[in-house]
């Protein structure tokens, strides 16, 4: 299954149709494995980043590019629905990190 990013083609200045698809950088945690784990880790790491920083943060954008490149679009739709419904398997981790971040910020502002 192709990812969302792989389906976004554009016409270059020379009139050739080129793909915006870019290879994800090597990750030593997943050297010789099926990229499913890399996809999942990228999605989870992006969600943690977006929950504690901002979706616009450059690091978050790199993580988003990774999972959008590696993950099948159908998975992303399903995981997005799970996130919206607060039933994503790692949701508790995100909620704990956001709470911890807010608690740290609250103590620094007192």
C-alpha atoms as a PDB file:
ATOM      1  CA  UNK A   1       0.000   0.000   0.000  1.00  0.00           C
ATOM      2  CA  UNK A   2       1.346   3.407  -0.895  1.00  0.00           C
ATOM      3  CA  UNK A   3       1.507   6.147   1.676  1.00  0.00           C
ATOM      4  CA  UNK A   4      -0.261   9.469   1.375  1.00  0.00           C
ATOM      5  CA  UNK A   5       2.962  11.306   0.560  1.00  0.00           C
ATOM      6  CA  UNK A   6       3.924   8.885  -2.194  1.00  0.00           C
ATOM      7  CA  UNK A   7       0.683   9.708  -3.988  1.00  0.00           C
ATOM      8  CA  UNK A   8       1.391  13.442  -4.119  1.00  0.00           C
ATOM      9  CA  UNK A   9       3.011  14.025  -7.491  1.00  0.00           C
ATOM     10  CA  UNK A  10       3.733  17.399  -9.025  1.00  0.00           C
ATOM     11  CA  UNK A  11       4.828  18.738 -12.380  1.00  0.00           C
ATOM     12  CA  UNK A  12       8.365  20.108 -12.362  1.00  0.00           C
ATOM     13  CA  UNK A  13       9.558  23.182 -14.237  1.00  0.00           C
ATOM     14  CA  UNK A  14      10.690  20.900 -17.078  1.00  0.00           C
ATOM     15  CA  UNK A  15       7.187  19.484 -17.448  1.00  0.00           C
ATOM     16  CA  UNK A  16       8.099  16.071 -16.012  1.00  0.00           C
ATOM     17  CA  UNK A  17       5.885  14.568 -13.347  1.00  0.00           C
ATOM     18  CA  UNK A  18       7.968  13.980 -10.256  1.00  0.00           C
ATOM     19  CA  UNK A  19       7.101  12.509  -6.895  1.00  0.00           C
ATOM     20  CA  UNK A  20       7.505  14.379  -3.596  1.00  0.00           C
ATOM     21  CA  UNK A  21       8.302  11.006  -2.048  1.00  0.00           C
ATOM     22  CA  UNK A  22      11.543  11.117  -0.112  1.00  0.00           C
ATOM     23  CA  UNK A  23      13.332   8.235   1.548  1.00  0.00           C
ATOM     24  CA  UNK A  24      13.232   8.223   5.328  1.00  0.00           C
ATOM     25  CA  UNK A  25      16.678   8.424   6.931  1.00  0.00           C
ATOM     26  CA  UNK A  26      18.243   5.214   8.234  1.00  0.00           C
ATOM     27  CA  UNK A  27      17.148   4.340  11.762  1.00  0.00           C
ATOM     28  CA  UNK A  28      19.534   1.971  13.573  1.00  0.00           C
ATOM     29  CA  UNK A  29      16.655   0.612  15.678  1.00  0.00           C
ATOM     30  CA  UNK A  30      15.188  -0.966  12.517  1.00  0.00           C
ATOM     31  CA  UNK A  31      18.185  -1.994  10.380  1.00  0.00           C
ATOM     32  CA  UNK A  32      16.959  -5.144   8.644  1.00  0.00           C
ATOM     33  CA  UNK A  33      13.329  -5.391   9.627  1.00  0.00           C
ATOM     34  CA  UNK A  34      10.002  -4.867   8.015  1.00  0.00           C
ATOM     35  CA  UNK A  35       9.260  -1.155   8.289  1.00  0.00           C
ATOM     36  CA  UNK A  36       5.998  -1.739  10.190  1.00  0.00           C
ATOM     37  CA  UNK A  37       7.701  -1.137  13.545  1.00  0.00           C
ATOM     38  CA  UNK A  38       9.425   1.972  12.180  1.00  0.00           C
ATOM     39  CA  UNK A  39       6.029   3.242  10.957  1.00  0.00           C
ATOM     40  CA  UNK A  40       4.405   2.647  14.352  1.00  0.00           C
ATOM     41  CA  UNK A  41       7.305   4.223  16.275  1.00  0.00           C
ATOM     42  CA  UNK A  42       7.243   7.285  14.010  1.00  0.00           C
ATOM     43  CA  UNK A  43       3.506   7.748  14.528  1.00  0.00           C
ATOM     44  CA  UNK A  44       3.752   7.345  18.306  1.00  0.00           C
ATOM     45  CA  UNK A  45       6.809   9.620  18.573  1.00  0.00           C
ATOM     46  CA  UNK A  46       5.055  12.284  16.487  1.00  0.00           C
ATOM     47  CA  UNK A  47       1.962  12.140  18.709  1.00  0.00           C
ATOM     48  CA  UNK A  48       4.122  12.567  21.818  1.00  0.00           C
ATOM     49  CA  UNK A  49       5.976  15.474  20.199  1.00  0.00           C
ATOM     50  CA  UNK A  50       2.781  17.185  19.067  1.00  0.00           C
ATOM     51  CA  UNK A  51       1.219  16.694  22.515  1.00  0.00           C
ATOM     52  CA  UNK A  52       4.171  18.186  24.393  1.00  0.00           C
ATOM     53  CA  UNK A  53       5.498  20.755  21.894  1.00  0.00           C
ATOM     54  CA  UNK A  54       3.564  21.799  18.818  1.00  0.00           C
ATOM     55  CA  UNK A  55       2.582  20.218  15.522  1.00  0.00           C
ATOM     56  CA  UNK A  56       4.582  23.012  13.854  1.00  0.00           C
ATOM     57  CA  UNK A  57       7.774  22.203  15.757  1.00  0.00           C
ATOM     58  CA  UNK A  58      10.521  21.208  13.254  1.00  0.00           C
ATOM     59  CA  UNK A  59      11.241  17.951  15.102  1.00  0.00           C
ATOM     60  CA  UNK A  60       7.540  17.081  15.070  1.00  0.00           C
ATOM     61  CA  UNK A  61       7.403  17.810  11.340  1.00  0.00           C
ATOM     62  CA  UNK A  62      10.348  15.427  10.729  1.00  0.00           C
ATOM     63  CA  UNK A  63       8.562  12.715  12.697  1.00  0.00           C
ATOM     64  CA  UNK A  64       5.349  13.354  10.765  1.00  0.00           C
ATOM     65  CA  UNK A  65       7.222  13.047   7.475  1.00  0.00           C
ATOM     66  CA  UNK A  66       8.644   9.719   8.642  1.00  0.00           C
ATOM     67  CA  UNK A  67       5.344   8.093   9.520  1.00  0.00           C
ATOM     68  CA  UNK A  68       3.483   9.563   6.536  1.00  0.00           C
ATOM     69  CA  UNK A  69       6.163   8.131   4.261  1.00  0.00           C
ATOM     70  CA  UNK A  70       6.287   4.680   5.867  1.00  0.00           C
ATOM     71  CA  UNK A  71       2.729   3.998   6.968  1.00  0.00           C
ATOM     72  CA  UNK A  72      -0.137   2.889   4.730  1.00  0.00           C
ATOM     73  CA  UNK A  73      -2.775   5.602   4.493  1.00  0.00           C
ATOM     74  CA  UNK A  74      -5.500   3.259   5.785  1.00  0.00           C
ATOM     75  CA  UNK A  75      -3.563   2.720   9.009  1.00  0.00           C
ATOM     76  CA  UNK A  76      -3.162   6.470   9.486  1.00  0.00           C
ATOM     77  CA  UNK A  77      -6.882   7.018   8.997  1.00  0.00           C
ATOM     78  CA  UNK A  78      -7.692   4.301  11.530  1.00  0.00           C
ATOM     79  CA  UNK A  79      -5.120   5.517  14.060  1.00  0.00           C
ATOM     80  CA  UNK A  80      -6.380   9.094  13.608  1.00  0.00           C
ATOM     81  CA  UNK A  81      -9.900   7.916  14.411  1.00  0.00           C
ATOM     82  CA  UNK A  82      -8.571   6.087  17.470  1.00  0.00           C
ATOM     83  CA  UNK A  83      -6.737   9.246  18.578  1.00  0.00           C
ATOM     84  CA  UNK A  84      -9.913  11.329  18.129  1.00  0.00           C
ATOM     85  CA  UNK A  85     -11.890   8.809  20.197  1.00  0.00           C
ATOM     86  CA  UNK A  86      -9.153   8.558  22.855  1.00  0.00           C
ATOM     87  CA  UNK A  87      -8.848   4.799  22.317  1.00  0.00           C
ATOM     88  CA  UNK A  88      -5.439   4.683  20.606  1.00  0.00           C
ATOM     89  CA  UNK A  89      -3.300   1.993  22.319  1.00  0.00           C
ATOM     90  CA  UNK A  90      -0.625   4.510  23.398  1.00  0.00           C
ATOM     91  CA  UNK A  91      -3.127   7.260  24.348  1.00  0.00           C
ATOM     92  CA  UNK A  92      -2.420   6.915  28.062  1.00  0.00           C
ATOM     93  CA  UNK A  93       1.274   7.621  27.446  1.00  0.00           C
ATOM     94  CA  UNK A  94       0.441  10.853  25.582  1.00  0.00           C
ATOM     95  CA  UNK A  95      -1.965  11.958  28.283  1.00  0.00           C
ATOM     96  CA  UNK A  96       0.628  11.295  31.022  1.00  0.00           C
ATOM     97  CA  UNK A  97       3.332  13.215  29.153  1.00  0.00           C
ATOM     98  CA  UNK A  98       1.053  16.190  28.533  1.00  0.00           C
ATOM     99  CA  UNK A  99       0.021  16.218  32.210  1.00  0.00           C
ATOM    100  CA  UNK A 100       3.648  15.975  33.339  1.00  0.00           C
ATOM    101  CA  UNK A 101       4.672  18.775  30.975  1.00  0.00           C
ATOM    102  CA  UNK A 102       1.853  21.013  32.225  1.00  0.00           C
ATOM    103  CA  UNK A 103       2.782  20.201  35.840  1.00  0.00           C
ATOM    104  CA  UNK A 104       6.441  21.155  35.224  1.00  0.00           C
ATOM    105  CA  UNK A 105       5.382  24.352  33.448  1.00  0.00           C
ATOM    106  CA  UNK A 106       2.969  25.203  36.289  1.00  0.00           C
ATOM    107  CA  UNK A 107       5.730  24.823  38.917  1.00  0.00           C
ATOM    108  CA  UNK A 108       8.083  27.071  36.925  1.00  0.00           C
ATOM    109  CA  UNK A 109       5.506  29.854  36.706  1.00  0.00           C
ATOM    110  CA  UNK A 110       4.714  29.966  40.431  1.00  0.00           C
END
